[in-house]
């Protein structure tokens, strides 16, 4: 049995918090984003956080280390937008392999260091595969409902390149996350299965959708149960939800998911809902209390934080998660 599956049987595993929230603290300038390598690049680069894996690798390693120091078992690579589709906004499609490979390598190096210091608590790296800024199910033009900004095949090709480079960089898990359109996710999962078959490997896959509002549906209109049905043909390590909602708003959907699946269940909610300035005010203690209600109800196998969460939030989650048993598999009714 792999160390990851063994750890999941024994306890609730904790995922890291937000990368973007932490990088904002560095107040990087346009010059910092460029570094030496992209000094003369003809387009603006500030805001391309994934690029910092190449131009500010020390900062990326520091963020991973802070989450591990807080007690996280799993950190995500800094690759949320590292597909040709995501990088097109910055004219950096050619950099996709480097971005994913280096991000995975940095995270794995930090994880291995923490594992070596405490072999009883192995640390893992999840390759973050974001949804892209295009949707395969919906038209971006209200006057042309039949129009699609991207095809399934274009997404499959983009995701395959990302998956291959993340695996080359040494990730332990692939995490298809923040899914607002399940057709995009299916393209990612198709690409993953293709790579697994070609390379004759078996790498654990986590899937995490996003319930966008109080309707209880994804952006492309699926309920919790429809979302689960759409992806359950793939052998998954876990299925869950992240982003968009705070821990309290997310709970009813996690309850439904937990009762409907035999996969392990994950959640990494936001630190509450954003205020008028787009910032997150929920304290670590407040979030801890809300997460504890998940644990009391036995809903969770993997728990972490999304937007607005920091090492302080993760430390508080680690403390409370240690008191509870993980959700038992086969709990679906």
Protein backbone atom coordinates (compact mmCIF):
# COMPACT_ATOMS: atom_id res chain seq x y z
CA UNK A 1 0.00 0.00 0.00
CA UNK A 2 1.30 3.49 -0.87
CA UNK A 3 2.29 5.86 1.94
CA UNK A 4 -0.48 8.22 0.84
CA UNK A 5 -3.26 5.61 1.07
CA UNK A 6 -1.86 4.35 4.37
CA UNK A 7 -1.90 7.89 5.79
CA UNK A 8 -5.49 8.40 4.57
CA UNK A 9 -6.63 5.26 6.36
CA UNK A 10 -5.12 6.44 9.64
CA UNK A 11 -6.11 10.09 9.79
CA UNK A 12 -7.65 13.11 8.13
CA UNK A 13 -5.03 14.64 5.83
CA UNK A 14 -4.64 18.40 5.60
CA UNK A 15 -4.13 20.24 2.32
CA UNK A 16 -2.40 23.62 2.22
CA UNK A 17 -4.04 27.05 1.96
CA UNK A 18 -3.99 29.75 -0.71
CA UNK A 19 -0.85 30.37 -2.74
CA UNK A 20 -2.08 33.71 -4.13
CA UNK A 21 -2.91 35.11 -0.68
CA UNK A 22 0.64 34.36 0.46
CA UNK A 23 2.31 35.74 -2.68
CA UNK A 24 0.47 39.05 -2.26
CA UNK A 25 2.48 39.57 0.94
CA UNK A 26 5.68 39.80 -1.09
CA UNK A 27 4.33 42.81 -3.03
CA UNK A 28 6.19 41.75 -6.16
CA UNK A 29 6.63 44.41 -8.86
CA UNK A 30 6.59 44.01 -12.64
CA UNK A 31 10.40 43.72 -12.47
CA UNK A 32 10.15 40.95 -9.87
CA UNK A 33 7.76 38.99 -12.06
CA UNK A 34 10.14 39.36 -15.01
CA UNK A 35 13.38 38.47 -13.25
CA UNK A 36 16.48 38.32 -15.44
CA UNK A 37 15.07 35.73 -17.82
CA UNK A 38 12.12 37.83 -18.99
CA UNK A 39 13.61 41.31 -18.61
CA UNK A 40 12.96 42.19 -22.26
CA UNK A 41 9.68 40.30 -22.68
CA UNK A 42 7.39 42.53 -24.80
CA UNK A 43 4.18 42.07 -22.77
CA UNK A 44 3.21 42.89 -19.14
CA UNK A 45 3.74 39.97 -16.74
CA UNK A 46 2.66 41.26 -13.33
CA UNK A 47 -0.12 39.07 -11.97
CA UNK A 48 1.11 35.88 -13.62
CA UNK A 49 1.67 34.10 -10.30
CA UNK A 50 2.60 30.80 -11.94
CA UNK A 51 5.58 32.52 -13.59
CA UNK A 52 7.08 33.19 -10.14
CA UNK A 53 8.11 29.51 -10.03
CA UNK A 54 10.70 30.50 -12.65
CA UNK A 55 11.54 34.04 -11.60
CA UNK A 56 11.11 33.91 -7.77
CA UNK A 57 11.53 30.21 -6.92
CA UNK A 58 12.77 30.99 -3.41
CA UNK A 59 9.45 32.67 -2.55
CA UNK A 60 7.46 29.70 -3.88
CA UNK A 61 9.58 27.30 -1.80
CA UNK A 62 9.08 29.53 1.27
CA UNK A 63 5.28 29.44 0.88
CA UNK A 64 5.30 25.63 0.62
CA UNK A 65 7.57 25.42 3.68
CA UNK A 66 5.27 27.69 5.72
CA UNK A 67 2.30 25.41 5.00
CA UNK A 68 4.31 22.31 5.90
CA UNK A 69 5.48 24.03 9.09
CA UNK A 70 1.81 24.70 9.90
CA UNK A 71 1.25 20.93 9.70
CA UNK A 72 -0.10 20.41 6.17
CA UNK A 73 0.31 16.92 4.73
CA UNK A 74 -0.17 17.97 1.09
CA UNK A 75 0.85 21.13 -0.77
CA UNK A 76 -0.36 22.12 -4.21
CA UNK A 77 2.00 23.12 -6.98
CA UNK A 78 1.96 26.74 -8.18
CA UNK A 79 0.38 25.70 -11.51
CA UNK A 80 -3.29 26.66 -11.33
CA UNK A 81 -3.11 28.45 -14.72
CA UNK A 82 -0.16 26.59 -16.25
CA UNK A 83 -1.80 25.38 -19.44
CA UNK A 84 -1.40 26.81 -22.94
CA UNK A 85 -4.98 28.07 -22.57
CA UNK A 86 -4.27 29.91 -19.30
CA UNK A 87 -0.87 31.23 -20.40
CA UNK A 88 -2.24 32.63 -23.69
CA UNK A 89 -3.27 35.77 -21.75
CA UNK A 90 0.43 36.46 -21.14
CA UNK A 91 1.72 35.20 -24.53
CA UNK A 92 3.61 32.48 -22.67
CA UNK A 93 2.16 29.29 -24.12
CA UNK A 94 5.68 28.02 -24.93
CA UNK A 95 6.60 28.01 -21.23
CA UNK A 96 4.03 25.47 -20.07
CA UNK A 97 6.45 22.56 -19.68
CA UNK A 98 8.98 24.65 -17.72
CA UNK A 99 6.29 26.16 -15.47
CA UNK A 100 4.80 22.82 -14.46
CA UNK A 101 8.09 20.95 -14.21
CA UNK A 102 9.80 23.60 -12.06
CA UNK A 103 6.74 24.16 -9.85
CA UNK A 104 6.50 20.42 -9.18
CA UNK A 105 10.25 20.12 -8.58
CA UNK A 106 10.29 23.01 -6.07
CA UNK A 107 7.31 21.64 -4.12
CA UNK A 108 8.72 18.09 -4.12
CA UNK A 109 12.11 19.28 -2.88
CA UNK A 110 10.46 21.03 0.09
CA UNK A 111 8.17 18.05 0.77
CA UNK A 112 11.10 15.61 0.75
CA UNK A 113 12.98 17.81 3.23
CA UNK A 114 10.05 17.76 5.68
CA UNK A 115 9.53 14.01 5.22
CA UNK A 116 13.22 13.37 5.93
CA UNK A 117 12.95 15.39 9.16
CA UNK A 118 9.88 13.43 10.30
CA UNK A 119 9.46 10.12 8.41
CA UNK A 120 6.36 9.28 10.48
CA UNK A 121 4.55 12.17 8.81
CA UNK A 122 5.25 11.86 5.07
CA UNK A 123 4.52 14.98 3.00
CA UNK A 124 2.98 14.91 -0.45
CA UNK A 125 2.70 17.16 -3.51
CA UNK A 126 -0.51 17.58 -5.50
CA UNK A 127 -0.17 18.91 -9.05
CA UNK A 128 -2.73 21.72 -9.31
CA UNK A 129 -4.74 21.57 -12.53
CA UNK A 130 -7.07 24.57 -12.77
CA UNK A 131 -10.22 24.94 -14.87
CA UNK A 132 -8.72 27.40 -17.43
CA UNK A 133 -10.47 30.67 -18.29
CA UNK A 134 -12.59 29.06 -21.03
CA UNK A 135 -15.70 26.91 -20.75
CA UNK A 136 -16.54 24.04 -23.07
CA UNK A 137 -20.23 23.86 -22.07
CA UNK A 138 -21.33 27.48 -22.23
CA UNK A 139 -21.18 30.29 -24.74
CA UNK A 140 -19.36 33.47 -23.63
CA UNK A 141 -21.60 35.41 -26.06
CA UNK A 142 -25.25 35.82 -25.01
CA UNK A 143 -26.19 36.61 -28.61
CA UNK A 144 -24.67 33.34 -29.89
CA UNK A 145 -25.71 30.53 -27.53
CA UNK A 146 -24.25 27.91 -29.88
CA UNK A 147 -20.74 29.45 -29.81
CA UNK A 148 -17.93 27.83 -27.79
CA UNK A 149 -14.63 29.55 -26.97
CA UNK A 150 -12.83 26.20 -26.80
CA UNK A 151 -13.34 22.57 -27.80
CA UNK A 152 -12.99 19.39 -25.75
CA UNK A 153 -10.08 18.34 -27.98
CA UNK A 154 -8.21 21.63 -27.46
CA UNK A 155 -8.63 21.24 -23.70
CA UNK A 156 -7.49 17.60 -23.79
CA UNK A 157 -4.28 18.55 -25.61
CA UNK A 158 -3.58 21.45 -23.21
CA UNK A 159 -4.24 19.33 -20.12
CA UNK A 160 -2.14 16.44 -21.43
CA UNK A 161 0.90 18.70 -21.73
CA UNK A 162 0.36 19.98 -18.18
CA UNK A 163 -0.12 16.47 -16.74
CA UNK A 164 3.02 15.10 -18.40
CA UNK A 165 5.20 17.95 -17.12
CA UNK A 166 3.77 17.76 -13.57
CA UNK A 167 4.52 14.02 -13.47
CA UNK A 168 8.04 14.63 -14.83
CA UNK A 169 8.54 17.17 -12.03
CA UNK A 170 7.69 14.56 -9.39
CA UNK A 171 4.14 15.17 -8.10
CA UNK A 172 2.51 12.44 -5.98
CA UNK A 173 -1.10 13.32 -6.83
CA UNK A 174 -2.94 15.11 -9.64
CA UNK A 175 -5.62 17.54 -8.42
CA UNK A 176 -8.22 18.68 -10.96
CA UNK A 177 -9.71 21.58 -9.03
CA UNK A 178 -12.07 24.55 -8.93
CA UNK A 179 -14.24 22.88 -11.56
CA UNK A 180 -17.00 25.21 -12.73
CA UNK A 181 -17.62 23.30 -15.99
CA UNK A 182 -17.53 19.52 -15.71
CA UNK A 183 -16.86 19.15 -19.44
CA UNK A 184 -13.52 20.91 -18.91
CA UNK A 185 -12.81 18.52 -16.03
CA UNK A 186 -13.70 15.52 -18.19
CA UNK A 187 -11.13 16.70 -20.74
CA UNK A 188 -8.53 16.86 -17.95
CA UNK A 189 -9.49 13.41 -16.67
CA UNK A 190 -9.39 11.99 -20.21
CA UNK A 191 -5.89 13.42 -20.63
CA UNK A 192 -4.78 11.97 -17.28
CA UNK A 193 -6.06 8.49 -18.16
CA UNK A 194 -4.29 8.75 -21.52
CA UNK A 195 -0.95 9.62 -19.87
CA UNK A 196 -1.38 6.88 -17.25
CA UNK A 197 -1.95 4.33 -20.01
CA UNK A 198 0.93 5.54 -22.18
CA UNK A 199 3.39 5.59 -19.29
CA UNK A 200 2.03 2.48 -17.58
CA UNK A 201 1.74 4.33 -14.27
CA UNK A 202 -0.95 4.71 -11.65
CA UNK A 203 -1.02 8.13 -10.01
CA UNK A 204 -3.79 9.11 -7.54
CA UNK A 205 -6.28 11.67 -8.87
CA UNK A 206 -8.30 14.11 -6.78
CA UNK A 207 -11.25 16.01 -8.25
CA UNK A 208 -12.67 19.15 -6.65
CA UNK A 209 -15.66 21.02 -8.03
CA UNK A 210 -17.00 24.49 -7.28
CA UNK A 211 -20.55 25.28 -6.19
CA UNK A 212 -20.81 28.85 -7.41
CA UNK A 213 -23.74 30.20 -5.40
CA UNK A 214 -26.79 29.41 -3.26
CA UNK A 215 -28.42 27.56 -6.16
CA UNK A 216 -26.19 24.64 -5.14
CA UNK A 217 -25.00 24.12 -8.71
CA UNK A 218 -21.77 24.42 -10.66
CA UNK A 219 -21.54 27.31 -13.15
CA UNK A 220 -22.48 24.93 -15.96
CA UNK A 221 -25.66 24.02 -14.06
CA UNK A 222 -24.98 20.67 -12.42
CA UNK A 223 -26.23 19.67 -9.00
CA UNK A 224 -23.91 17.90 -6.55
CA UNK A 225 -25.26 14.51 -7.61
CA UNK A 226 -25.03 15.25 -11.36
CA UNK A 227 -21.44 16.44 -10.95
CA UNK A 228 -20.55 13.26 -9.07
CA UNK A 229 -22.21 11.03 -11.68
CA UNK A 230 -20.33 12.80 -14.49
CA UNK A 231 -16.89 11.95 -13.08
CA UNK A 232 -17.46 8.68 -11.22
CA UNK A 233 -16.43 6.50 -14.18
CA UNK A 234 -12.80 7.44 -13.43
CA UNK A 235 -10.93 5.69 -10.58
CA UNK A 236 -10.48 8.64 -8.20
CA UNK A 237 -8.68 9.00 -4.90
CA UNK A 238 -11.17 11.63 -3.77
CA UNK A 239 -13.95 13.95 -4.85
CA UNK A 240 -14.85 17.21 -3.16
CA UNK A 241 -15.47 20.94 -3.39
CA UNK A 242 -13.36 24.06 -3.07
CA UNK A 243 -13.49 27.83 -3.59
CA UNK A 244 -16.49 30.16 -4.17
CA UNK A 245 -18.04 29.53 -0.74
CA UNK A 246 -16.93 29.69 2.88
CA UNK A 247 -16.95 26.60 5.10
CA UNK A 248 -20.43 27.22 6.50
CA UNK A 249 -22.08 27.79 3.09
CA UNK A 250 -20.32 24.73 1.67
CA UNK A 251 -21.41 22.25 4.34
CA UNK A 252 -24.84 21.21 3.00
CA UNK A 253 -23.29 20.30 -0.37
CA UNK A 254 -20.53 18.30 1.29
CA UNK A 255 -23.19 16.42 3.26
CA UNK A 256 -24.95 15.47 0.04
CA UNK A 257 -21.68 14.48 -1.61
CA UNK A 258 -20.51 12.43 1.36
CA UNK A 259 -23.77 10.46 1.42
CA UNK A 260 -23.67 9.80 -2.33
CA UNK A 261 -20.11 8.56 -2.92
CA UNK A 262 -17.74 5.77 -1.93
CA UNK A 263 -14.74 7.89 -2.95
CA UNK A 264 -12.88 9.74 -0.24
CA UNK A 265 -14.20 13.29 0.26
CA UNK A 266 -12.14 16.48 0.25
CA UNK A 267 -12.91 20.13 0.91
CA UNK A 268 -10.88 23.31 0.79
CA UNK A 269 -13.28 26.22 1.31
CA UNK A 270 -12.50 29.93 1.28
CA UNK A 271 -11.93 31.91 4.47
CA UNK A 272 -15.56 33.03 4.39
CA UNK A 273 -16.97 35.24 1.64
CA UNK A 274 -15.03 38.25 0.30
CA UNK A 275 -15.76 41.73 1.67
CA UNK A 276 -16.44 44.82 -0.48
CA UNK A 277 -12.71 45.06 -1.27
CA UNK A 278 -12.42 41.42 -2.34
CA UNK A 279 -10.55 40.49 0.83
CA UNK A 280 -11.27 37.63 3.23
CA UNK A 281 -11.88 38.50 6.88
CA UNK A 282 -12.58 35.12 8.46
CA UNK A 283 -10.05 34.42 11.19
CA UNK A 284 -8.27 31.10 11.69
CA UNK A 285 -10.30 30.43 14.86
CA UNK A 286 -13.62 31.18 13.13
CA UNK A 287 -12.75 28.87 10.25
CA UNK A 288 -11.56 26.18 12.67
CA UNK A 289 -14.95 26.12 14.41
CA UNK A 290 -16.79 25.75 11.09
CA UNK A 291 -14.44 22.99 9.90
CA UNK A 292 -14.96 21.15 13.19
CA UNK A 293 -18.63 20.72 12.32
CA UNK A 294 -17.54 18.79 9.16
CA UNK A 295 -15.35 16.57 11.29
CA UNK A 296 -17.99 15.93 13.96
CA UNK A 297 -20.36 14.77 11.21
CA UNK A 298 -17.71 12.49 9.67
CA UNK A 299 -17.86 14.14 6.24
CA UNK A 300 -14.19 14.51 5.40
CA UNK A 301 -10.99 12.62 4.52
CA UNK A 302 -8.93 15.57 3.21
CA UNK A 303 -9.39 19.16 4.42
CA UNK A 304 -7.62 22.41 3.54
CA UNK A 305 -8.18 26.04 2.59
CA UNK A 306 -8.72 28.04 -0.59
CA UNK A 307 -8.91 31.83 -1.15
CA UNK A 308 -7.91 33.96 1.84
CA UNK A 309 -6.48 31.09 3.87
CA UNK A 310 -2.96 31.34 5.32
CA UNK A 311 -0.62 29.11 7.35
CA UNK A 312 -2.44 30.39 10.46
CA UNK A 313 -5.71 28.98 9.10
CA UNK A 314 -4.06 25.68 8.18
CA UNK A 315 -2.44 25.37 11.61
CA UNK A 316 -5.86 25.79 13.25
CA UNK A 317 -7.35 23.18 10.90
CA UNK A 318 -4.48 20.75 11.64
CA UNK A 319 -5.13 21.12 15.38
CA UNK A 320 -8.82 20.29 15.12
CA UNK A 321 -8.44 17.57 12.46
CA UNK A 322 -6.11 15.61 14.77
CA UNK A 323 -9.02 15.07 17.21
CA UNK A 324 -11.28 13.25 14.74
CA UNK A 325 -11.36 10.04 12.73
CA UNK A 326 -11.52 10.31 8.94
CA UNK A 327 -14.83 9.67 7.17
CA UNK A 328 -15.27 5.93 6.75
CA UNK A 329 -15.22 4.77 3.16
CA UNK A 330 -18.37 2.98 2.12
CA UNK A 331 -20.35 5.57 4.10
CA UNK A 332 -22.53 6.35 1.08
CA UNK A 333 -26.19 5.42 1.41
